[in-house]
Amino acid sequence: MNYILFDGDERDNLLPLTYTRPVADLRVGILTIREKWEKYLGFTTTTLTEDYLREKFPLVEAEINLMINASFCPSEKLVDLCRSIKPREAIYYEGQLLAFVTVEGEEPVIEDYKRIEFNGDLIHISYPWDIFSKNDKALRDDFKLITDGRESQVLSDTNRCLNPENIFIEEGAEVEFAILNAKDAPIYIGKDAKILENVSVRGGLALCEGAVIKMGAKVYGATTIGPYSTLGGEVKNVVLAGYSNKGHEGYLGNSVLGEWCNLGADTNNSNLKNNYSEVKAWSYSEGKFISTGLQFCGLIMGDHSKAGINTMFNTGTVVGVSANIFGSGFPRNIIPSFSWGGASKTVTYRTNKAIETAKLVTIRKGIEFTEIDERIFEYIFEESSQYRKD
C-alpha cells in the first residue's frame, strides 16, 4: 500500500499556516501530523496538495493508494481500520471523508464507495486555533507514542522535579537548575535541546530538537517549541512550528506561530477580551471574522513574519506570511501577507525584499532558501494581494 496525505476542505480554513505547507506538515503536540502517521504506519508518506506547493512537496502514486485526510491525527484504532479497507471503500468520521483507496487507472467516485463509519475519539485540526486548543491531547498522545518502551536520559540533580517519571529527555539535551513540574502533564525534551538556568516549566511541554528555553522563562502548558526555536519570557498554551524566536520578555498565550517568525523584545499579546466573550478571528475561507468558540485566543502568525520591539497584538489577531509589524498601538486584527508597518499605516512588502530577508534568516540555521521557496513566495504574494490596500 502507498500512503498519500491529502489536504481536504480544511486547507483553506487553516490559512495562513497552510500558505507555505500542506496540512500534513502542521505541528501539533510533539510531531507534525505527517510524522504521526508515518510513526504509526511504519512507512513514509507523500502529499496531495495545491499545485504551487507540489514542486516542494511532490506526490508519489502507486498502483494502489490509501488516501488519508491530513487534517485528522492518527490513533491506533484508526490506523488499524485504514490498513483493512479495500478498493472502493471509504472511511468517514462524523460525516467527513477521512480515508479511501484508489486504484491506478480508475477514476474514484467516492459517492459510490462502500461507506465505513469510524467510531472513536480523534483530534481533528480544522482551524488554526485548533492547534493550540487541542495541543494538550496531541502532546500526551505523542509523548506515549515516542517514549513507549524507551529509557530517558538521566536528568541532572541540579534540577527540581515533580513526577520525574513523566519527563523524557533525549540524547544530547541539556537541562540545569530548572524547575520541571510534570505532575499534571508530560514534559518532553528533544535531542540537543536546552533549558537554561532558572526556567520554570509546568507541563505539558514539547521542546523539540535543538530548541532552547532561555534563562528565567516561565512556561505553562500545553506548549510546543518546535525544532531550533528559541523561547523567553512568559508563555501559555503556545505552539511554535519551528525555527522561530520569541527570545525575550513579554507574554504570548493561546497562540500559533509558523516557521521563521521572530517576536521582538517585550512583544505582548492579548488572549482574553475585556468582556470575557468568545473571540472572533479572521477566516480566509469565509472572508470574514468568525467565532472561534473560544474565550482564550491570541495570535496566529504565518511563516517568515516578524514583530518589532514592544509590539502589541490584540485578541484573535491573524498575521499572514512575511509581514513586518512595528510601531506603537495595536495593529489591525487581520494583517495581510507581505505587509510592512503597524497601527497607523501599512504598505506592501515587496517580494524581492522579503526574499532577501528570508535568505539571510534561513542561512543562519544552515538552511537554504531555494528558488522553489522563492516561487512559493511569489505565488502567495499574488494570491494575497486582494487583502492589501496599496
Protein backbone atom coordinates (compact mmCIF):
# COMPACT_ATOMS: atom_id res chain seq x y z
CA MET A 1 0.00 0.00 0.00
CA ASN A 2 1.15 3.52 -0.87
CA TYR A 3 0.11 6.22 1.62
CA ILE A 4 -0.89 9.73 0.49
CA LEU A 5 -1.99 12.53 2.84
CA PHE A 6 -4.36 14.94 1.10
CA ASP A 7 -5.25 18.48 2.14
CA GLY A 8 -9.03 18.26 2.01
CA ASP A 9 -11.51 21.10 2.51
CA GLU A 10 -9.79 22.13 5.74
CA ARG A 11 -6.79 23.56 3.88
CA ASP A 12 -8.37 26.97 3.23
CA ASN A 13 -9.70 27.12 6.80
CA LEU A 14 -6.12 26.70 8.04
CA LEU A 15 -4.66 29.67 6.16
CA PRO A 16 -2.31 31.49 6.65
CA LEU A 17 -0.42 28.50 8.12
CA THR A 18 -1.11 26.40 5.01
CA TYR A 19 0.01 29.05 2.55
CA THR A 20 3.52 27.59 2.81
CA ARG A 21 2.91 23.90 3.61
CA PRO A 22 0.45 21.06 3.18
CA VAL A 23 -1.93 20.36 6.07
CA ALA A 24 0.13 17.24 6.86
CA ASP A 25 3.12 19.36 7.87
CA LEU A 26 1.37 21.33 10.59
CA ARG A 27 2.83 20.67 14.04
CA VAL A 28 0.52 19.85 16.95
CA GLY A 29 1.75 18.09 20.08
CA ILE A 30 5.36 16.99 19.62
CA LEU A 31 5.21 15.83 16.00
CA THR A 32 3.77 17.12 12.74
CA ILE A 33 0.66 15.34 11.50
CA ARG A 34 2.78 13.64 8.83
CA GLU A 35 5.30 12.42 11.40
CA LYS A 36 2.48 10.96 13.50
CA TRP A 37 1.05 8.99 10.56
CA GLU A 38 4.47 7.74 9.49
CA LYS A 39 5.26 6.65 13.04
CA TYR A 40 2.03 4.66 13.27
CA LEU A 41 2.17 3.24 9.73
CA GLY A 42 5.89 2.46 9.63
CA PHE A 43 6.03 3.90 6.10
CA THR A 44 6.82 7.26 4.52
CA THR A 45 4.01 9.32 3.02
CA THR A 46 3.67 11.86 0.24
CA THR A 47 1.15 14.64 -0.23
CA LEU A 48 -1.68 15.72 -2.50
CA THR A 49 -1.70 19.49 -2.08
CA GLU A 50 -2.05 22.75 -4.01
CA ASP A 51 -0.34 22.92 -7.40
CA TYR A 52 2.09 25.69 -6.40
CA LEU A 53 3.36 23.61 -3.46
CA ARG A 54 3.87 20.34 -5.34
CA GLU A 55 7.38 21.13 -6.52
CA LYS A 56 8.48 21.29 -2.87
CA PHE A 57 6.11 18.57 -1.65
CA PRO A 58 5.94 16.08 -4.55
CA LEU A 59 3.27 13.41 -4.89
CA VAL A 60 4.21 9.75 -5.38
CA GLU A 61 1.47 7.45 -6.67
CA ALA A 62 1.44 3.66 -6.95
CA GLU A 63 -0.92 1.00 -8.25
CA ILE A 64 -2.90 1.07 -5.01
CA ASN A 65 -3.01 4.16 -2.79
CA LEU A 66 -4.55 4.84 0.58
CA MET A 67 -5.67 8.47 0.59
CA ILE A 68 -5.83 9.97 4.09
CA ASN A 69 -7.32 13.33 5.05
CA ALA A 70 -4.32 15.05 6.67
CA SER A 71 -6.42 17.19 8.99
CA PHE A 72 -7.06 14.08 11.13
CA CYS A 73 -4.41 12.92 13.58
CA PRO A 74 -3.99 9.15 13.74
CA SER A 75 -4.83 6.78 16.54
CA GLU A 76 -4.02 3.08 16.84
CA LYS A 77 -7.66 2.16 16.24
CA LEU A 78 -7.91 4.40 13.17
CA VAL A 79 -4.67 3.10 11.67
CA ASP A 80 -5.87 -0.50 12.10
CA LEU A 81 -9.07 0.39 10.24
CA CYS A 82 -7.15 2.18 7.47
CA ARG A 83 -4.96 -0.87 6.93
CA SER A 84 -8.03 -3.06 6.50
CA ILE A 85 -10.02 -1.09 3.90
CA LYS A 86 -10.19 -2.25 0.32
CA PRO A 87 -10.62 -0.56 -3.08
CA ARG A 88 -13.96 1.24 -3.46
CA GLU A 89 -14.32 1.65 0.29
CA ALA A 90 -14.19 4.93 2.21
CA ILE A 91 -13.92 5.79 5.91
CA TYR A 92 -15.99 8.64 7.34
CA TYR A 93 -15.87 10.34 10.71
CA GLU A 94 -18.83 12.43 11.86
CA GLY A 95 -19.91 12.91 8.24
CA GLN A 96 -16.47 13.90 6.94
CA LEU A 97 -14.38 11.90 4.48
CA LEU A 98 -11.35 10.53 6.30
CA ALA A 99 -9.74 7.92 4.04
CA PHE A 100 -10.31 5.93 0.84
CA VAL A 101 -8.43 3.64 -1.53
CA THR A 102 -7.65 4.44 -5.15
CA VAL A 103 -6.50 2.06 -7.90
CA GLU A 104 -4.31 3.10 -10.81
CA GLY A 105 -6.33 3.71 -13.98
CA GLU A 106 -9.65 4.13 -12.16
CA GLU A 107 -11.29 7.49 -11.54
CA PRO A 108 -12.56 7.43 -7.93
CA VAL A 109 -16.27 8.16 -7.47
CA ILE A 110 -16.42 8.47 -3.70
CA GLU A 111 -20.21 8.66 -3.59
CA ASP A 112 -20.38 5.10 -4.92
CA TYR A 113 -17.86 3.69 -2.45
CA LYS A 114 -18.91 1.48 0.43
CA ARG A 115 -19.17 3.76 3.47
CA ILE A 116 -17.41 2.74 6.70
CA GLU A 117 -18.01 4.84 9.81
CA PHE A 118 -15.18 5.28 12.31
CA ASN A 119 -16.29 5.41 15.93
CA GLY A 120 -13.80 6.75 18.44
CA ASP A 121 -12.07 9.89 19.63
CA LEU A 122 -9.89 11.72 17.10
CA ILE A 123 -8.02 15.01 17.02
CA HIS A 124 -9.28 16.95 14.00
CA ILE A 125 -7.47 20.17 13.03
CA SER A 126 -10.00 22.32 11.18
CA TYR A 127 -8.89 25.87 12.05
CA PRO A 128 -5.60 27.43 13.21
CA TRP A 129 -6.83 27.83 16.78
CA ASP A 130 -7.44 24.06 16.97
CA ILE A 131 -3.65 23.67 17.03
CA PHE A 132 -3.22 25.26 20.45
CA SER A 133 -6.64 24.31 21.86
CA LYS A 134 -6.07 20.60 21.08
CA ASN A 135 -2.35 20.67 21.82
CA ASP A 136 -2.70 19.16 25.28
CA LYS A 137 -4.29 15.94 23.99
CA ALA A 138 -1.93 15.77 21.00
CA LEU A 139 1.12 16.24 23.23
CA ARG A 140 0.04 13.47 25.60
CA ASP A 141 -0.61 11.11 22.68
CA ASP A 142 2.74 11.89 21.05
CA PHE A 143 4.61 11.51 24.35
CA LYS A 144 3.23 8.00 24.75
CA LEU A 145 3.92 7.15 21.09
CA ILE A 146 7.53 8.39 21.16
CA THR A 147 8.63 7.20 24.59
CA ASP A 148 6.86 3.85 24.94
CA GLY A 149 9.44 1.16 25.71
CA ARG A 150 12.35 3.63 25.73
CA GLU A 151 14.52 4.91 28.54
CA SER A 152 15.05 8.61 29.17
CA GLN A 153 18.47 10.17 29.63
CA VAL A 154 19.30 10.89 33.26
CA LEU A 155 18.22 14.32 34.49
CA SER A 156 20.88 16.34 36.30
CA ASP A 157 20.42 16.63 40.07
CA THR A 158 20.74 20.42 39.83
CA ASN A 159 17.08 20.45 38.76
CA ARG A 160 13.95 20.30 40.91
CA CYS A 161 11.32 17.95 39.50
CA LEU A 162 7.77 16.87 40.28
CA ASN A 163 6.73 13.49 38.85
CA PRO A 164 10.05 12.80 37.07
CA GLU A 165 8.69 9.58 35.56
CA ASN A 166 6.58 11.84 33.34
CA ILE A 167 9.69 13.63 31.98
CA PHE A 168 11.60 12.26 28.99
CA ILE A 169 14.96 13.61 27.86
CA GLU A 170 16.56 12.70 24.54
CA GLU A 171 20.28 12.27 23.90
CA GLY A 172 22.31 15.48 23.90
CA ALA A 173 19.73 17.59 25.73
CA GLU A 174 20.97 19.93 28.48
CA VAL A 175 18.87 20.94 31.50
CA GLU A 176 20.40 22.60 34.55
CA PHE A 177 18.97 24.46 37.57
CA ALA A 178 15.39 24.34 36.23
CA ILE A 179 12.03 23.63 37.88
CA LEU A 180 10.09 20.96 35.98
CA ASN A 181 6.55 20.18 37.13
CA ALA A 182 5.19 17.15 35.25
CA LYS A 183 2.52 16.32 37.82
CA ASP A 184 -0.44 17.01 35.53
CA ALA A 185 1.06 16.58 32.04
CA PRO A 186 4.27 15.24 30.44
CA ILE A 187 7.45 17.12 29.62
CA TYR A 188 9.41 16.06 26.53
CA ILE A 189 12.90 17.46 25.91
CA GLY A 190 14.20 16.65 22.43
CA LYS A 191 17.64 15.82 21.10
CA ASP A 192 20.22 18.59 21.68
CA ALA A 193 17.56 20.88 23.18
CA LYS A 194 18.47 23.17 26.07
CA ILE A 195 16.66 24.51 29.12
CA LEU A 196 18.80 27.20 30.71
CA GLU A 197 19.05 28.18 34.36
CA ASN A 198 16.10 29.37 36.44
CA VAL A 199 13.46 28.27 33.91
CA SER A 200 10.09 27.21 35.38
CA VAL A 201 8.03 24.72 33.40
CA ARG A 202 4.54 23.49 34.18
CA GLY A 203 3.76 20.65 31.77
CA GLY A 204 2.79 19.72 29.22
CA LEU A 205 5.78 20.81 27.25
CA ALA A 206 7.30 19.63 23.99
CA LEU A 207 10.75 21.12 23.49
CA CYS A 208 11.77 19.73 20.11
CA GLU A 209 15.21 19.03 18.66
CA GLY A 210 17.73 21.84 19.01
CA ALA A 211 15.26 24.25 20.63
CA VAL A 212 16.27 26.50 23.55
CA ILE A 213 14.38 27.98 26.51
CA LYS A 214 16.32 30.98 27.79
CA MET A 215 17.10 31.86 31.40
CA GLY A 216 14.23 32.79 33.67
CA ALA A 217 11.44 31.88 31.26
CA LYS A 218 8.03 30.86 32.60
CA VAL A 219 6.29 28.15 30.55
CA TYR A 220 2.74 26.97 31.11
CA GLY A 221 1.27 24.02 29.20
CA ALA A 222 0.28 22.83 26.84
CA THR A 223 3.18 24.40 24.92
CA THR A 224 5.21 23.17 21.95
CA ILE A 225 8.52 24.73 20.98
CA GLY A 226 9.34 23.42 17.52
CA PRO A 227 12.79 22.41 16.25
CA TYR A 228 15.57 25.01 16.53
CA SER A 229 13.27 27.64 18.03
CA THR A 230 14.13 29.96 20.92
CA LEU A 231 11.81 30.89 23.75
CA GLY A 232 11.99 33.50 26.51
CA GLY A 233 9.60 35.46 28.73
CA GLU A 234 6.19 34.05 29.69
CA VAL A 235 4.09 31.75 27.51
CA LYS A 236 0.97 29.66 27.98
CA ASN A 237 -0.55 27.14 25.56
CA VAL A 238 1.58 28.20 22.59
CA VAL A 239 2.81 26.31 19.51
CA LEU A 240 5.91 27.47 17.62
CA ALA A 241 6.14 25.35 14.48
CA GLY A 242 9.92 25.50 14.16
CA TYR A 243 12.90 27.83 13.54
CA SER A 244 11.01 30.69 15.22
CA ASN A 245 12.11 33.01 18.01
CA LYS A 246 10.33 34.59 20.93
CA GLY A 247 13.59 35.15 22.72
CA HIS A 248 12.82 37.97 25.14
CA GLU A 249 10.46 39.15 27.86
CA GLY A 250 6.80 39.61 27.01
CA TYR A 251 3.67 37.47 27.17
CA LEU A 252 2.37 35.11 24.49
CA GLY A 253 -0.70 32.99 25.16
CA ASN A 254 -3.06 30.68 23.25
CA SER A 255 -1.19 31.31 20.02
CA VAL A 256 0.38 29.62 16.98
CA LEU A 257 3.49 30.86 15.16
CA GLY A 258 4.63 29.31 11.90
CA GLU A 259 8.26 28.79 10.92
CA TRP A 260 10.95 31.51 10.70
CA CYS A 261 8.93 34.00 12.77
CA ASN A 262 10.51 36.46 15.19
CA LEU A 263 8.96 38.49 18.01
CA GLY A 264 10.97 41.47 19.20
CA ALA A 265 11.70 42.23 22.85
CA ASP A 266 8.65 42.97 25.02
CA THR A 267 6.17 41.90 22.36
CA ASN A 268 2.87 41.01 24.07
CA ASN A 269 -0.47 39.62 23.00
CA SER A 270 -3.94 39.70 24.46
CA ASN A 271 -5.69 36.34 24.63
CA LEU A 272 -8.83 37.34 26.54
CA LYS A 273 -11.36 40.06 25.75
CA ASN A 274 -12.24 42.57 28.46
CA ASN A 275 -15.88 41.45 28.37
CA TYR A 276 -14.87 37.74 28.51
CA SER A 277 -16.90 36.94 25.39
CA GLU A 278 -15.92 34.44 22.68
CA VAL A 279 -13.07 35.62 20.48
CA LYS A 280 -13.59 36.17 16.76
CA ALA A 281 -10.76 35.73 14.26
CA TRP A 282 -10.33 36.21 10.51
CA SER A 283 -11.24 33.25 8.32
CA TYR A 284 -9.69 33.24 4.83
CA SER A 285 -12.12 30.58 3.64
CA GLU A 286 -15.19 32.60 4.66
CA GLY A 287 -13.72 36.05 4.02
CA LYS A 288 -14.86 37.45 7.35
CA PHE A 289 -14.32 37.31 11.09
CA ILE A 290 -15.88 34.20 12.62
CA SER A 291 -16.31 32.99 16.17
CA THR A 292 -13.56 30.67 17.34
CA GLY A 293 -15.82 29.25 20.03
CA LEU A 294 -13.02 30.06 22.48
CA GLN A 295 -12.78 32.50 25.36
CA PHE A 296 -8.98 32.45 25.08
CA CYS A 297 -7.43 33.03 21.65
CA GLY A 298 -4.30 35.06 20.97
CA LEU A 299 -2.09 35.35 17.88
CA ILE A 300 -2.00 33.31 14.66
CA MET A 301 1.12 34.13 12.60
CA GLY A 302 2.17 32.76 9.20
CA ASP A 303 5.72 31.82 8.22
CA HIS A 304 8.51 34.42 7.99
CA SER A 305 6.55 37.17 9.76
CA LYS A 306 8.26 39.48 12.25
CA ALA A 307 7.27 41.89 15.01
CA GLY A 308 9.44 44.77 16.26
CA ILE A 309 10.11 45.56 19.91
CA ASN A 310 7.13 46.48 22.11
CA THR A 311 4.58 45.28 19.55
CA MET A 312 1.09 44.75 20.99
CA PHE A 313 -1.23 42.20 19.38
CA ASN A 314 -4.92 42.29 20.16
CA THR A 315 -7.08 39.26 20.92
CA GLY A 316 -7.55 36.93 17.94
CA THR A 317 -5.06 38.67 15.61
CA VAL A 318 -4.22 36.81 12.38
CA VAL A 319 -0.95 37.71 10.62
CA GLY A 320 -0.18 36.42 7.13
CA VAL A 321 3.10 35.28 5.58
CA SER A 322 6.19 37.53 5.56
CA ALA A 323 4.60 40.51 7.30
CA ASN A 324 6.76 43.01 9.19
CA ILE A 325 4.89 44.68 12.06
CA PHE A 326 6.21 47.54 14.20
CA GLY A 327 5.26 50.82 15.85
CA SER A 328 3.03 51.95 18.72
CA GLY A 329 -0.59 50.99 19.28
CA PHE A 330 -2.49 47.84 18.37
CA PRO A 331 -2.28 46.84 14.69
CA ARG A 332 -5.39 45.52 12.93
CA ASN A 333 -6.75 42.08 13.87
CA ILE A 334 -6.03 40.92 10.30
CA ILE A 335 -2.60 41.75 8.89
CA PRO A 336 -2.23 40.65 5.25
CA SER A 337 0.74 38.74 3.92
CA PHE A 338 3.64 40.92 2.75
CA SER A 339 2.58 43.92 4.84
CA TRP A 340 5.09 46.41 6.24
CA GLY A 341 4.05 48.76 9.05
CA GLY A 342 1.76 48.92 12.06
CA ALA A 343 -1.31 50.51 13.61
CA SER A 344 -1.08 53.82 11.77
CA LYS A 345 -0.23 52.58 8.27
CA THR A 346 0.96 49.57 6.30
CA VAL A 347 2.48 49.37 2.84
CA THR A 348 3.32 46.41 0.63
CA TYR A 349 6.48 44.49 1.47
CA ARG A 350 7.83 43.66 -2.00
CA THR A 351 8.85 40.08 -2.69
CA ASN A 352 12.43 40.91 -3.68
CA LYS A 353 13.00 42.47 -0.25
CA ALA A 354 11.11 39.69 1.54
CA ILE A 355 13.14 37.00 -0.26
CA GLU A 356 16.37 38.83 0.52
CA THR A 357 15.50 38.79 4.24
CA ALA A 358 14.33 35.16 4.15
CA LYS A 359 17.68 34.08 2.70
CA LEU A 360 19.57 35.89 5.47
CA VAL A 361 17.35 34.36 8.16
CA THR A 362 17.43 30.75 6.96
CA ILE A 363 21.17 30.64 6.29
CA ARG A 364 21.76 31.38 9.98
CA LYS A 365 20.26 27.95 10.72
CA GLY A 366 22.19 26.28 7.89
CA ILE A 367 19.16 26.01 5.59
CA GLU A 368 18.94 27.31 2.04
CA PHE A 369 16.02 29.42 0.86
CA THR A 370 15.77 27.87 -2.59
CA GLU A 371 14.39 29.01 -5.93
CA ILE A 372 11.40 26.78 -5.19
CA ASP A 373 10.79 28.75 -1.99
CA GLU A 374 11.08 31.98 -3.97
CA ARG A 375 8.38 30.82 -6.40
CA ILE A 376 6.12 29.91 -3.48
CA PHE A 377 6.63 33.39 -2.03
CA GLU A 378 5.76 35.00 -5.37
CA TYR A 379 2.60 32.91 -5.68
CA ILE A 380 1.46 33.80 -2.15
CA PHE A 381 2.17 37.47 -2.85
CA GLU A 382 -0.20 37.44 -5.83
CA GLU A 383 -2.77 35.23 -4.11
CA SER A 384 -2.94 37.51 -1.07
CA SER A 385 -2.95 40.82 -2.98
CA GLN A 386 -6.69 41.25 -2.51
CA TYR A 387 -6.13 41.81 1.23
CA ARG A 388 -3.58 44.64 0.80
CA LYS A 389 -4.74 48.19 0.13
CA ASP A 390 -1.84 49.59 -1.90
